[in-house]
Amino acid sequence: MTYADAKDELFGIVNTAIKAAIASRIIERIKVHYPGMNGATEPPNDGYWCRVFYTTIRDNQASLAKLNGISRYEALGQLVIQIYSPISAPGSLDNGNLLAESVRDAYRLPSPSGVMSFTNQLVRELGNTKSHYLTTVMVECTYDNYQ
């Protein structure tokens, strides 16, 4: 699995979880910002907003030697989903937390590809800005890549 493949899979899970939360009416709508997207990189003053990003923590060689000219590497990364819930909307902190739990729970299932594994799925309330409550979901993932 490549870095790009890992991001695609991770971001796809987020997207599916958010669509399910909208379908189950946890929230009505949310703007989601992924790396490289044009548009606002900060939440608007009203409405739900989400920022998603992934970073590699380490990418260590996991094989002793190149077998058939190929080495195996094990990548450990962290996915972060920041959910901004508008203070002006009644019940938005609870709804934002329900959304965060739904997203977290999606990473407690096996990965769609069967190649990645997920651990340390956390939901954290991180206080608020002038206009939003901030809840963050963090997930560690591992996958192998070959070179």
Protein backbone atom coordinates (compact mmCIF):
# COMPACT_ATOMS: atom_id res chain seq x y z
CA MET A 1 0.00 0.00 0.00
CA THR A 2 1.36 3.43 -0.86
CA TYR A 3 1.01 6.64 1.14
CA ALA A 4 -1.55 7.88 -1.40
CA ASP A 5 -3.52 4.61 -1.14
CA ALA A 6 -3.51 4.90 2.66
CA LYS A 7 -4.84 8.46 2.57
CA ASP A 8 -7.53 7.51 0.05
CA GLU A 9 -8.73 4.67 2.24
CA LEU A 10 -8.62 6.70 5.47
CA PHE A 11 -10.42 9.69 3.93
CA GLY A 12 -12.98 7.39 2.30
CA ILE A 13 -13.89 5.95 5.70
CA VAL A 14 -14.36 9.48 7.10
CA ASN A 15 -16.54 10.41 4.14
CA THR A 16 -18.71 7.31 4.52
CA ALA A 17 -19.10 7.85 8.29
CA ILE A 18 -20.13 11.49 7.81
CA LYS A 19 -22.66 10.56 5.11
CA ALA A 20 -24.12 7.94 7.48
CA ALA A 21 -24.36 10.53 10.28
CA ILE A 22 -26.23 12.89 7.96
CA ALA A 23 -28.53 10.07 6.83
CA SER A 24 -29.30 9.19 10.46
CA ARG A 25 -29.95 12.88 11.17
CA ILE A 26 -27.22 13.36 13.77
CA ILE A 27 -26.46 16.54 11.83
CA GLU A 28 -28.10 18.07 8.76
CA ARG A 29 -24.98 19.05 6.84
CA ILE A 30 -21.29 19.65 7.32
CA LYS A 31 -18.52 21.10 5.19
CA VAL A 32 -15.47 18.84 5.15
CA HIS A 33 -11.99 20.12 4.29
CA TYR A 34 -9.32 17.67 3.12
CA PRO A 35 -5.68 18.56 2.39
CA GLY A 36 -5.20 20.09 -1.06
CA MET A 37 -8.79 21.29 -1.38
CA ASN A 38 -9.57 24.81 -2.46
CA GLY A 39 -11.84 26.82 -0.24
CA ALA A 40 -11.94 27.88 3.35
CA THR A 41 -9.31 26.40 5.64
CA GLU A 42 -11.05 27.78 8.73
CA PRO A 43 -14.62 27.13 9.89
CA PRO A 44 -17.34 29.61 8.94
CA ASN A 45 -18.99 31.47 11.82
CA ASP A 46 -22.05 29.22 11.70
CA GLY A 47 -22.65 25.64 10.68
CA TYR A 48 -20.71 22.44 11.23
CA TRP A 49 -17.24 22.21 9.70
CA CYS A 50 -14.64 19.47 9.67
CA ARG A 51 -10.91 19.33 8.87
CA VAL A 52 -9.28 15.97 8.10
CA PHE A 53 -5.58 15.28 7.82
CA TYR A 54 -3.14 12.39 8.04
CA THR A 55 0.52 12.28 8.99
CA THR A 56 3.09 9.50 9.05
CA ILE A 57 4.69 9.02 12.47
CA ARG A 58 7.25 6.47 11.35
CA ASP A 59 8.01 4.29 8.35
CA ASN A 60 10.53 1.63 9.43
CA GLN A 61 12.04 -1.22 7.51
CA ALA A 62 10.34 -4.37 8.75
CA SER A 63 12.23 -7.01 6.80
CA LEU A 64 15.80 -8.11 7.43
CA ALA A 65 16.87 -8.00 3.81
CA LYS A 66 15.56 -7.48 0.34
CA LEU A 67 13.80 -10.71 -0.53
CA ASN A 68 13.67 -10.94 -4.32
CA GLY A 69 14.89 -7.33 -4.42
CA ILE A 70 11.98 -6.04 -2.33
CA SER A 71 12.03 -4.65 1.22
CA ARG A 72 8.99 -4.45 3.48
CA TYR A 73 8.36 -1.28 5.47
CA GLU A 74 5.79 -0.79 8.21
CA ALA A 75 4.20 2.66 8.31
CA LEU A 76 2.56 4.02 11.44
CA GLY A 77 0.42 7.10 10.98
CA GLN A 78 -2.16 9.23 12.70
CA LEU A 79 -5.44 10.42 11.25
CA VAL A 80 -6.96 13.55 12.82
CA ILE A 81 -10.54 14.70 12.27
CA GLN A 82 -11.38 18.09 13.79
CA ILE A 83 -15.12 18.68 14.14
CA TYR A 84 -16.28 22.26 14.70
CA SER A 85 -19.84 22.55 16.05
CA PRO A 86 -21.49 25.99 16.06
CA ILE A 87 -22.01 27.41 19.55
CA SER A 88 -25.05 29.31 18.23
CA ALA A 89 -26.99 26.09 17.49
CA PRO A 90 -28.76 24.46 20.45
CA GLY A 91 -27.46 20.96 21.14
CA SER A 92 -24.58 21.30 18.70
CA LEU A 93 -21.91 20.13 21.17
CA ASP A 94 -23.83 16.91 21.78
CA ASN A 95 -24.45 16.45 18.05
CA GLY A 96 -20.79 17.12 17.25
CA ASN A 97 -19.79 14.55 19.85
CA LEU A 98 -22.24 12.01 18.38
CA LEU A 99 -20.70 12.64 14.97
CA ALA A 100 -17.21 12.17 16.47
CA GLU A 101 -18.28 8.87 18.05
CA SER A 102 -19.72 7.70 14.71
CA VAL A 103 -16.48 8.52 12.93
CA ARG A 104 -14.41 6.87 15.68
CA ASP A 105 -16.56 3.75 15.53
CA ALA A 106 -15.94 3.44 11.78
CA TYR A 107 -12.27 2.88 12.62
CA ARG A 108 -13.13 0.09 15.06
CA LEU A 109 -14.13 -2.04 12.08
CA PRO A 110 -11.71 -3.86 9.77
CA SER A 111 -10.30 -1.70 6.99
CA PRO A 112 -12.09 -1.96 3.63
CA SER A 113 -8.90 -3.17 1.92
CA GLY A 114 -7.97 -5.53 4.74
CA VAL A 115 -4.45 -4.12 4.56
CA MET A 116 -4.58 -1.45 7.28
CA SER A 117 -5.14 -1.86 10.99
CA PHE A 118 -6.50 0.79 13.33
CA THR A 119 -5.74 1.35 17.02
CA ASN A 120 -6.10 4.00 19.72
CA GLN A 121 -9.32 5.48 18.38
CA LEU A 122 -9.99 8.52 20.59
CA VAL A 123 -12.60 11.26 20.87
CA ARG A 124 -11.48 14.42 22.67
CA GLU A 125 -13.33 17.62 23.44
CA LEU A 126 -10.83 20.45 23.11
CA GLY A 127 -12.82 23.45 24.31
CA ASN A 128 -14.12 26.11 22.00
CA THR A 129 -13.32 29.13 19.86
CA LYS A 130 -15.51 32.24 19.79
CA SER A 131 -17.98 30.53 17.46
CA HIS A 132 -17.46 26.74 17.69
CA TYR A 133 -16.97 23.81 20.01
CA LEU A 134 -14.05 21.65 18.90
CA THR A 135 -14.14 17.86 19.13
CA THR A 136 -11.27 15.83 17.70
CA VAL A 137 -11.11 12.20 16.63
CA MET A 138 -7.64 10.65 16.46
CA VAL A 139 -6.84 7.23 15.03
CA GLU A 140 -3.52 5.46 14.67
CA CYS A 141 -3.10 3.18 11.68
CA THR A 142 -0.47 0.81 10.39
CA TYR A 143 0.10 -0.65 6.96
CA ASP A 144 2.92 -2.29 5.06
CA ASN A 145 4.49 -0.91 1.93
CA TYR A 146 7.07 -2.54 -0.30
CA GLN A 147 10.01 -1.13 -2.26
